[in-house]
Amino acid sequence: MTFIQCRTVDVKQLAVVAMMAFCSAGALAAEPAFLNTAQLNVVRQQLHENTAAPQTQDAYRHLLAAADSALKKPNLSVTDKGMTPPSGSKHDYLSLSAYWWPDSSKADGLPWIRKDGRVNPASKNEQSDGVRLADFTARVQNLTLAWYFSGEQKYADKAASLLRAWFITPETRMNPNLNYAQGVPGISAGRNAGVLDGRYFSTRIVDSLVLLHGNPAWTDNDDQQIRVWMQDYLTWLQGSKIAKKEGRTQNNHGNWYVTQVSGIAWYLGDKAVIRDMAKLMESKLDIQLKPDGTQPAELARTRSFHYSYFNLQAISMMAVLAQKNGIDLWHYKTPQGGGLLTSLDFMARYTDPSVPWPYKTIDQIRVRPVPLLSWADNGTGGQRYEQQIRRATFELPPAVKPAAGGYHEDVTRGAVMEAERETWLLSLPAFAAGYVAPQAAGGKK
């Protein structure tokens, strides 16, 4: 067995850094929204002592490679795009909807038409912000986690620099809205579906900010300014016509709205909003999750496996956060007998590559639901999915050459690495050595 050498750090210094990182900032969250700090501490110690599981060490190696790559790249900003939003300000975020294409029967191609599941390369280039936002949030998360686990300050320094460029520096900061997200030429400059783009502010940035709190690279003034940004953004999420429409949708978009709002509210210390969002989530599950575990709205898509997983990812992350607020979504049952665990049961069988997916789908990355299964066992204190988690392998397919048009993301490799990271580095399965159970606040609702 080959072990990865953890970067040389002083354990006492790490303890001091950890203590600084988790001190409360007034009303700001003292703990991450979606991570268990007690578990992170154990994993970090295992890495330092070279006792971590092979999957954990593999995920850590990939994390450091991503963070080292991010160190060499320039900061990112919404002002980098080539297009200018209708507002006239490049400080406003702008993205194009991925599944819409010019109409070949029209001389000007307008209005664009929808081809579900087929990604238009025009939505993935430097002219708009969609890929840039995903890259920015991934880099911040990778760098923050690399600092947390290795203790090397250079990673925190770069993460803080990226955060200031995107959220704070007057010349490069993003305005706190998504008014022009996932626009469709000839139809709309911005649509409610574009609110989905902002989910990374909740799932990646919030926990990075909590972990960085107290680090020398991230000052009290930085904290104060980004708190203002997050508060303004939450106000937009709750009050914008576009965002409120997204909140009413009854598929993965509506669930990601709930999870996004809840993560921002957690960072700002607004537990009342999280309670409201949990109730909204329950009302959505009543419609979406069938007693046999299927999700009809997601199965209707051309990428039915992906969207079945993607919807459950939003629900599962909300269940993790809700549990920290004393609300149990893991065991919630719909009036018809459906629920999160029942739908995870359905997906669990198809993590086995030998079991055919019975619906039409363009793609299927079978390992993707594994972290959700592990979180469910952790959250419920059971071993419901131990067999599927133990069986999961995270073998990477060969790297492919960058695609034309500047869109070079290798989706499959990234998804496999993410699944391994979320299962074995950012958390541990309940059967793994060093597992620490999450703590619920106040018990069941």
Protein backbone atom coordinates (compact mmCIF):
# COMPACT_ATOMS: atom_id res chain seq x y z
CA MET A 1 0.00 0.00 0.00
CA THR A 2 1.38 3.41 -0.96
CA PHE A 3 0.73 6.24 1.43
CA ILE A 4 0.84 9.94 0.61
CA GLN A 5 3.20 11.95 2.73
CA CYS A 6 1.28 14.74 4.36
CA ARG A 7 3.02 18.12 4.14
CA THR A 8 5.24 18.66 7.18
CA VAL A 9 3.37 20.73 9.74
CA ASP A 10 3.52 21.25 13.48
CA VAL A 11 0.54 19.64 15.21
CA LYS A 12 0.40 22.34 17.90
CA GLN A 13 0.37 25.05 15.23
CA LEU A 14 -2.47 23.23 13.47
CA ALA A 15 -4.45 23.17 16.69
CA VAL A 16 -4.01 26.92 17.11
CA VAL A 17 -5.02 27.52 13.51
CA ALA A 18 -8.08 25.31 13.93
CA MET A 19 -9.11 27.16 17.08
CA MET A 20 -8.80 30.48 15.29
CA ALA A 21 -10.74 29.17 12.32
CA PHE A 22 -13.76 28.16 14.33
CA CYS A 23 -14.13 31.13 16.67
CA SER A 24 -17.52 32.70 16.25
CA ALA A 25 -17.78 35.98 14.38
CA GLY A 26 -20.72 37.44 16.21
CA ALA A 27 -23.82 36.35 14.34
CA LEU A 28 -21.73 34.68 11.65
CA ALA A 29 -21.58 30.90 11.57
CA ALA A 30 -18.85 29.39 13.72
CA GLU A 31 -19.22 26.01 12.01
CA PRO A 32 -19.46 25.12 8.33
CA ALA A 33 -22.91 24.57 6.87
CA PHE A 34 -22.29 21.24 5.18
CA LEU A 35 -19.17 19.86 6.89
CA ASN A 36 -18.53 18.26 10.28
CA THR A 37 -15.51 19.98 11.83
CA ALA A 38 -14.92 17.21 14.36
CA GLN A 39 -14.66 14.79 11.44
CA LEU A 40 -12.40 17.11 9.46
CA ASN A 41 -10.05 17.31 12.44
CA VAL A 42 -9.79 13.52 12.61
CA VAL A 43 -9.14 13.20 8.86
CA ARG A 44 -6.45 15.87 9.06
CA GLN A 45 -4.76 14.04 11.91
CA GLN A 46 -4.94 10.74 9.99
CA LEU A 47 -3.30 12.38 6.99
CA HIS A 48 -0.56 13.84 9.18
CA GLU A 49 0.09 10.46 10.83
CA ASN A 50 -0.12 8.54 7.55
CA THR A 51 -2.96 6.39 8.88
CA ALA A 52 -5.73 7.63 6.55
CA ALA A 53 -7.61 5.18 4.35
CA PRO A 54 -6.25 4.74 0.81
CA GLN A 55 -9.33 6.47 -0.63
CA THR A 56 -8.76 9.43 1.71
CA GLN A 57 -5.13 9.73 0.70
CA ASP A 58 -6.06 9.46 -2.97
CA ALA A 59 -8.62 12.25 -2.59
CA TYR A 60 -6.07 14.37 -0.72
CA ARG A 61 -3.51 13.91 -3.47
CA HIS A 62 -6.03 15.11 -6.06
CA LEU A 63 -6.97 18.04 -3.83
CA LEU A 64 -3.37 19.21 -3.51
CA ALA A 65 -2.86 18.88 -7.26
CA ALA A 66 -5.90 21.08 -7.88
CA ALA A 67 -4.81 23.61 -5.28
CA ASP A 68 -1.25 23.75 -6.66
CA SER A 69 -2.70 24.39 -10.11
CA ALA A 70 -4.88 27.19 -8.73
CA LEU A 71 -1.82 28.87 -7.18
CA LYS A 72 -0.42 29.48 -10.65
CA LYS A 73 -3.54 31.04 -12.12
CA PRO A 74 -4.71 34.68 -12.01
CA ASN A 75 -7.65 35.85 -9.96
CA LEU A 76 -11.07 35.71 -11.59
CA SER A 77 -13.77 38.38 -11.87
CA VAL A 78 -17.12 38.87 -13.57
CA THR A 79 -15.56 41.91 -15.21
CA ASP A 80 -13.33 39.56 -17.26
CA LYS A 81 -16.15 38.58 -19.64
CA GLY A 82 -16.39 39.80 -23.21
CA MET A 83 -20.15 40.40 -23.19
CA THR A 84 -21.80 43.30 -21.39
CA PRO A 85 -25.12 42.72 -19.57
CA PRO A 86 -28.18 44.83 -20.51
CA SER A 87 -27.53 46.88 -17.37
CA GLY A 88 -24.38 48.21 -19.01
CA SER A 89 -22.21 47.02 -16.12
CA LYS A 90 -19.82 44.08 -16.33
CA HIS A 91 -20.07 43.89 -12.54
CA ASP A 92 -23.41 42.15 -13.11
CA TYR A 93 -23.10 38.40 -13.58
CA LEU A 94 -24.12 37.09 -17.00
CA SER A 95 -24.44 33.51 -18.28
CA LEU A 96 -26.12 31.75 -21.21
CA SER A 97 -28.37 28.74 -20.79
CA ALA A 98 -26.42 25.59 -21.66
CA TYR A 99 -29.13 23.65 -23.51
CA TRP A 100 -30.29 26.39 -25.90
CA TRP A 101 -29.03 26.77 -29.48
CA PRO A 102 -29.51 29.15 -32.43
CA ASP A 103 -32.45 28.17 -34.61
CA SER A 104 -30.87 27.01 -37.90
CA SER A 105 -34.12 27.74 -39.74
CA LYS A 106 -33.82 31.46 -38.97
CA ALA A 107 -31.35 33.80 -40.64
CA ASP A 108 -30.37 35.38 -37.34
CA GLY A 109 -30.89 32.19 -35.33
CA LEU A 110 -33.41 33.93 -33.07
CA PRO A 111 -35.02 33.01 -30.89
CA TRP A 112 -32.76 30.19 -29.68
CA ILE A 113 -34.39 26.77 -29.27
CA ARG A 114 -33.98 24.18 -26.52
CA LYS A 115 -32.14 20.89 -27.04
CA ASP A 116 -32.23 19.23 -23.60
CA GLY A 117 -28.97 17.61 -22.60
CA ARG A 118 -26.94 19.02 -25.52
CA VAL A 119 -24.52 21.65 -24.23
CA ASN A 120 -23.99 24.65 -26.49
CA PRO A 121 -20.25 25.53 -26.39
CA ALA A 122 -21.23 29.20 -26.59
CA SER A 123 -22.43 28.90 -22.99
CA LYS A 124 -19.05 27.62 -21.85
CA ASN A 125 -16.56 30.18 -23.14
CA GLU A 126 -14.93 33.32 -21.77
CA GLN A 127 -17.57 35.67 -23.17
CA SER A 128 -19.93 34.98 -20.26
CA ASP A 129 -19.52 34.08 -16.58
CA GLY A 130 -20.98 30.58 -16.21
CA VAL A 131 -17.74 28.59 -16.37
CA ARG A 132 -15.86 31.41 -14.63
CA LEU A 133 -18.13 31.22 -11.57
CA ALA A 134 -17.76 27.45 -11.35
CA ASP A 135 -13.97 27.72 -11.71
CA PHE A 136 -13.71 30.52 -9.16
CA THR A 137 -15.72 28.71 -6.48
CA ALA A 138 -13.90 25.43 -7.10
CA ARG A 139 -10.52 27.11 -6.78
CA VAL A 140 -11.49 28.82 -3.53
CA GLN A 141 -12.76 25.55 -2.11
CA ASN A 142 -9.71 23.58 -3.24
CA LEU A 143 -7.29 26.14 -1.85
CA THR A 144 -9.11 26.50 1.46
CA LEU A 145 -9.26 22.75 2.01
CA ALA A 146 -5.62 22.35 0.97
CA TRP A 147 -4.67 24.93 3.60
CA TYR A 148 -6.87 23.30 6.20
CA PHE A 149 -5.44 19.82 5.73
CA SER A 150 -1.80 20.73 4.98
CA GLY A 151 -1.31 23.83 7.11
CA GLU A 152 0.51 25.60 4.26
CA GLN A 153 -0.36 29.29 4.37
CA LYS A 154 0.20 29.88 0.65
CA TYR A 155 -3.11 28.16 -0.07
CA ALA A 156 -5.07 30.39 2.32
CA ASP A 157 -3.33 33.46 0.92
CA LYS A 158 -4.46 32.63 -2.62
CA ALA A 159 -8.00 31.70 -1.55
CA ALA A 160 -8.35 35.05 0.24
CA SER A 161 -7.01 36.91 -2.80
CA LEU A 162 -9.57 35.20 -5.05
CA LEU A 163 -12.39 36.01 -2.64
CA ARG A 164 -11.46 39.68 -2.42
CA ALA A 165 -11.25 40.01 -6.20
CA TRP A 166 -14.70 38.46 -6.75
CA PHE A 167 -16.64 39.97 -3.85
CA ILE A 168 -14.85 43.02 -2.44
CA THR A 169 -12.39 44.93 -4.67
CA PRO A 170 -14.38 47.82 -6.24
CA GLU A 171 -12.85 47.41 -9.69
CA THR A 172 -13.60 43.68 -9.97
CA ARG A 173 -16.39 42.80 -7.53
CA MET A 174 -19.63 41.12 -8.59
CA ASN A 175 -22.89 42.89 -7.90
CA PRO A 176 -25.01 40.66 -5.59
CA ASN A 177 -27.63 39.55 -8.12
CA LEU A 178 -28.23 36.99 -10.86
CA ASN A 179 -30.52 39.12 -12.99
CA TYR A 180 -28.81 38.04 -16.21
CA ALA A 181 -28.13 34.40 -15.48
CA GLN A 182 -28.90 31.66 -18.02
CA GLY A 183 -30.26 34.09 -20.57
CA VAL A 184 -31.57 32.88 -23.93
CA PRO A 185 -31.01 35.16 -26.96
CA GLY A 186 -34.30 36.20 -28.49
CA ILE A 187 -36.27 35.13 -25.41
CA SER A 188 -34.90 36.62 -22.19
CA ALA A 189 -31.75 38.35 -20.94
CA GLY A 190 -32.06 36.41 -17.68
CA ARG A 191 -34.29 33.64 -16.40
CA ASN A 192 -35.29 32.15 -13.07
CA ALA A 193 -33.38 28.98 -14.04
CA GLY A 194 -30.19 31.01 -13.74
CA VAL A 195 -30.54 31.19 -9.97
CA LEU A 196 -29.15 27.67 -10.04
CA ASP A 197 -25.76 29.13 -11.01
CA GLY A 198 -25.48 30.69 -7.56
CA ARG A 199 -25.67 27.41 -5.65
CA TYR A 200 -21.87 27.38 -5.37
CA PHE A 201 -21.93 30.55 -3.27
CA SER A 202 -23.68 28.42 -0.67
CA THR A 203 -22.13 24.99 -1.10
CA ARG A 204 -18.51 26.03 -1.72
CA ILE A 205 -17.97 29.63 -0.62
CA VAL A 206 -19.85 29.65 2.70
CA ASP A 207 -17.87 26.77 4.19
CA SER A 208 -14.62 28.18 2.82
CA LEU A 209 -15.35 31.48 4.56
CA VAL A 210 -16.08 29.72 7.84
CA LEU A 211 -12.86 27.71 7.64
CA LEU A 212 -10.79 30.78 6.74
CA HIS A 213 -12.15 32.89 9.59
CA GLY A 214 -9.25 33.88 11.84
CA ASN A 215 -6.59 33.11 9.24
CA PRO A 216 -4.07 35.96 8.83
CA ALA A 217 -4.91 36.15 5.13
CA TRP A 218 -8.57 36.90 5.83
CA THR A 219 -9.08 40.01 7.94
CA ASP A 220 -11.97 41.22 10.07
CA ASN A 221 -12.57 43.89 7.44
CA ASP A 222 -12.82 41.18 4.77
CA ASP A 223 -15.34 39.39 6.97
CA GLN A 224 -17.41 42.53 7.39
CA GLN A 225 -17.47 43.36 3.70
CA ILE A 226 -18.39 39.91 2.52
CA ARG A 227 -21.09 39.73 5.17
CA VAL A 228 -22.64 42.83 3.57
CA TRP A 229 -22.40 41.17 0.15
CA MET A 230 -24.01 37.97 1.41
CA GLN A 231 -26.79 39.87 3.14
CA ASP A 232 -27.53 41.83 -0.03
CA TYR A 233 -27.47 38.61 -2.03
CA LEU A 234 -29.85 36.89 0.39
CA THR A 235 -32.18 39.88 0.08
CA TRP A 236 -32.07 39.44 -3.69
CA LEU A 237 -32.75 35.70 -3.40
CA GLN A 238 -35.78 36.34 -1.22
CA GLY A 239 -37.15 39.42 -2.99
CA SER A 240 -36.29 39.28 -6.67
CA LYS A 241 -39.11 38.32 -9.02
CA ILE A 242 -36.77 35.96 -10.86
CA ALA A 243 -35.52 34.29 -7.68
CA LYS A 244 -38.98 33.91 -6.15
CA LYS A 245 -40.16 32.22 -9.35
CA GLU A 246 -37.26 29.79 -9.05
CA GLY A 247 -38.26 29.08 -5.48
CA ARG A 248 -41.69 27.93 -6.68
CA THR A 249 -40.38 25.37 -9.18
CA GLN A 250 -41.06 21.72 -8.42
CA ASN A 251 -37.88 20.03 -9.63
CA ASN A 252 -34.15 20.16 -8.88
CA HIS A 253 -34.14 23.93 -9.49
CA GLY A 254 -36.54 24.57 -6.63
CA ASN A 255 -34.62 22.29 -4.29
CA TRP A 256 -31.31 23.94 -5.10
CA TYR A 257 -32.97 27.29 -4.38
CA VAL A 258 -33.89 26.01 -0.92
CA THR A 259 -30.38 24.71 -0.26
CA GLN A 260 -28.72 27.86 -1.60
CA VAL A 261 -30.85 30.20 0.50
CA SER A 262 -30.32 28.03 3.58
CA GLY A 263 -26.55 27.97 3.20
CA ILE A 264 -26.36 31.76 2.91
CA ALA A 265 -28.74 32.13 5.86
CA TRP A 266 -26.57 29.76 7.91
CA TYR A 267 -23.53 31.91 7.25
CA LEU A 268 -25.43 35.01 8.35
CA GLY A 269 -26.86 33.30 11.42
CA ASP A 270 -30.49 33.51 10.29
CA LYS A 271 -31.99 30.27 11.60
CA ALA A 272 -35.56 31.42 10.98
CA VAL A 273 -34.91 31.43 7.23
CA ILE A 274 -33.51 27.90 7.45
CA ARG A 275 -36.64 26.70 9.25
CA ASP A 276 -38.81 28.30 6.56
CA MET A 277 -36.72 26.70 3.83
CA ALA A 278 -37.00 23.27 5.47
CA LYS A 279 -40.79 23.58 5.39
CA LEU A 280 -40.64 24.65 1.75
CA MET A 281 -38.46 21.65 0.98
CA GLU A 282 -40.98 19.30 2.57
CA SER A 283 -43.76 20.72 0.41
CA LYS A 284 -41.62 20.11 -2.67
CA LEU A 285 -40.83 16.54 -1.68
CA ASP A 286 -44.57 15.86 -1.36
CA ILE A 287 -44.83 16.46 -5.09
CA GLN A 288 -41.48 15.20 -6.38
CA LEU A 289 -40.72 11.95 -4.57
CA LYS A 290 -42.93 8.99 -5.36
CA PRO A 291 -43.48 6.00 -3.02
CA ASP A 292 -41.42 3.76 -5.32
CA GLY A 293 -38.46 6.16 -5.00
CA THR A 294 -38.65 7.61 -8.51
CA GLN A 295 -38.56 11.31 -9.36
CA PRO A 296 -40.75 11.78 -12.45
CA ALA A 297 -39.63 15.37 -13.14
CA GLU A 298 -36.01 14.24 -13.34
CA LEU A 299 -36.67 10.98 -15.17
CA ALA A 300 -38.31 13.00 -17.96
CA ARG A 301 -34.95 14.59 -18.79
CA THR A 302 -32.58 13.32 -21.48
CA ARG A 303 -29.96 13.00 -18.72
CA SER A 304 -32.29 11.13 -16.38
CA PHE A 305 -29.58 9.48 -14.25
CA HIS A 306 -27.69 12.73 -13.74
CA TYR A 307 -30.76 14.74 -12.78
CA SER A 308 -32.10 12.02 -10.48
CA TYR A 309 -28.79 12.23 -8.63
CA PHE A 310 -28.56 16.02 -8.89
CA ASN A 311 -31.96 16.54 -7.29
CA LEU A 312 -31.15 14.16 -4.45
CA GLN A 313 -27.84 15.95 -3.93
CA ALA A 314 -29.70 19.21 -3.25
CA ILE A 315 -32.11 17.46 -0.87
CA SER A 316 -29.33 15.57 0.92
CA MET A 317 -27.24 18.69 1.44
CA MET A 318 -30.30 20.43 2.85
CA ALA A 319 -30.84 17.43 5.13
CA VAL A 320 -27.26 17.78 6.42
CA LEU A 321 -27.79 21.47 7.16
CA ALA A 322 -31.29 21.02 8.54
CA GLN A 323 -29.99 18.39 10.98
CA LYS A 324 -27.63 21.01 12.41
CA ASN A 325 -30.74 23.06 13.12
CA GLY A 326 -32.63 20.24 14.83
CA ILE A 327 -34.76 19.39 11.78
CA ASP A 328 -34.88 15.82 10.45
CA LEU A 329 -35.39 15.68 6.70
CA TRP A 330 -33.77 12.27 6.37
CA HIS A 331 -36.85 10.56 7.78
CA TYR A 332 -39.49 12.90 6.39
CA LYS A 333 -42.35 11.00 4.77
CA THR A 334 -44.66 12.45 2.14
CA PRO A 335 -48.42 11.87 2.43
CA GLN A 336 -48.09 9.24 -0.32
CA GLY A 337 -45.26 7.40 1.44
CA GLY A 338 -42.27 8.76 -0.43
CA GLY A 339 -39.20 10.29 1.13
CA LEU A 340 -35.51 11.00 0.78
CA LEU A 341 -34.39 7.59 2.03
CA THR A 342 -36.82 5.80 -0.26
CA SER A 343 -35.47 7.72 -3.26
CA LEU A 344 -31.90 7.05 -2.17
CA ASP A 345 -32.82 3.36 -1.92
CA PHE A 346 -33.91 3.55 -5.55
CA MET A 347 -30.68 5.19 -6.69
CA ALA A 348 -28.45 2.98 -4.53
CA ARG A 349 -29.04 -0.14 -6.62
CA TYR A 350 -27.81 1.65 -9.73
CA THR A 351 -24.46 2.59 -8.23
CA ASP A 352 -23.59 -0.96 -9.32
CA PRO A 353 -22.41 -0.64 -12.95
CA SER A 354 -23.72 -4.14 -13.69
CA VAL A 355 -27.33 -3.13 -12.99
CA PRO A 356 -28.86 -1.48 -16.09
CA TRP A 357 -30.46 1.94 -15.66
CA PRO A 358 -34.04 1.36 -16.92
CA TYR A 359 -34.58 4.82 -18.38
CA LYS A 360 -33.24 6.70 -21.37
CA THR A 361 -30.20 8.77 -20.51
CA ILE A 362 -27.33 10.42 -22.33
CA ASP A 363 -24.84 9.80 -19.53
CA GLN A 364 -24.55 7.96 -16.23
CA ILE A 365 -21.66 8.25 -13.78
CA ARG A 366 -22.59 5.47 -11.40
CA VAL A 367 -20.38 6.52 -8.48
CA ARG A 368 -21.96 9.96 -8.15
CA PRO A 369 -24.71 9.06 -5.64
CA VAL A 370 -22.27 7.29 -3.27
CA PRO A 371 -21.53 10.39 -1.11
CA LEU A 372 -25.28 10.90 -0.63
CA LEU A 373 -25.61 7.33 0.61
CA SER A 374 -22.77 7.87 3.05
CA TRP A 375 -24.25 11.13 4.32
CA ALA A 376 -27.59 9.39 4.81
CA ASP A 377 -26.03 6.65 6.94
CA ASN A 378 -24.12 9.27 8.90
CA GLY A 379 -27.21 11.39 9.42
CA THR A 380 -29.47 8.54 10.47
CA GLY A 381 -26.95 6.57 12.50
CA GLY A 382 -27.56 3.48 10.38
CA GLN A 383 -25.72 1.19 7.97
CA ARG A 384 -28.39 1.13 5.31
CA TYR A 385 -25.97 1.67 2.42
CA GLU A 386 -22.77 0.12 3.74
CA GLN A 387 -22.66 -2.49 0.98
CA GLN A 388 -22.90 0.09 -1.81
CA ILE A 389 -20.33 2.39 -0.18
CA ARG A 390 -17.83 -0.42 0.37
CA ARG A 391 -18.27 -1.63 -3.20
CA ALA A 392 -17.68 1.78 -4.76
CA THR A 393 -14.45 2.30 -6.66
CA PHE A 394 -13.24 5.68 -7.86
CA GLU A 395 -11.21 4.74 -10.90
CA LEU A 396 -10.57 7.70 -13.17
CA PRO A 397 -11.10 7.42 -16.91
CA PRO A 398 -8.27 8.62 -19.17
CA ALA A 399 -7.94 12.38 -19.45
CA VAL A 400 -9.26 13.85 -22.69
CA LYS A 401 -7.92 16.73 -24.72
CA PRO A 402 -9.48 20.17 -24.17
CA ALA A 403 -12.56 20.76 -26.28
CA ALA A 404 -12.79 23.59 -28.79
CA GLY A 405 -14.11 26.97 -27.70
CA GLY A 406 -12.26 27.10 -24.40
CA TYR A 407 -14.50 24.62 -22.59
CA HIS A 408 -12.06 22.02 -21.31
CA GLU A 409 -13.72 20.50 -18.25
CA ASP A 410 -13.44 16.72 -18.15
CA VAL A 411 -16.81 16.11 -16.55
CA THR A 412 -16.45 12.42 -15.79
CA ARG A 413 -13.01 12.66 -14.17
CA GLY A 414 -14.13 15.63 -12.12
CA ALA A 415 -17.30 13.88 -10.98
CA VAL A 416 -15.44 10.76 -9.88
CA MET A 417 -12.85 12.76 -7.94
CA GLU A 418 -15.61 14.81 -6.32
CA ALA A 419 -17.46 11.67 -5.24
CA GLU A 420 -14.32 10.22 -3.65
CA ARG A 421 -13.53 13.53 -1.93
CA GLU A 422 -17.00 13.94 -0.49
CA THR A 423 -17.14 10.35 0.76
CA TRP A 424 -13.61 9.85 2.08
CA LEU A 425 -11.94 13.24 2.68
CA LEU A 426 -14.63 15.74 3.68
CA SER A 427 -16.51 13.05 5.57
CA LEU A 428 -16.01 9.38 6.35
CA PRO A 429 -18.42 6.45 5.99
CA ALA A 430 -19.87 5.26 9.27
CA PHE A 431 -17.85 2.01 9.10
CA ALA A 432 -14.50 3.74 8.53
CA ALA A 433 -11.81 4.10 11.18
CA GLY A 434 -12.04 7.52 12.77
CA TYR A 435 -15.68 8.12 11.90
CA VAL A 436 -17.31 10.90 13.92
CA ALA A 437 -21.11 11.12 13.97
CA PRO A 438 -22.68 14.49 13.15
CA GLN A 439 -24.30 16.34 15.99
CA ALA A 440 -27.92 17.40 15.68
CA ALA A 441 -29.06 20.56 17.48
CA GLY A 442 -32.19 20.05 19.49
CA GLY A 443 -33.14 16.62 18.20
CA LYS A 444 -35.91 15.85 15.74
CA LYS A 445 -38.44 18.43 14.76
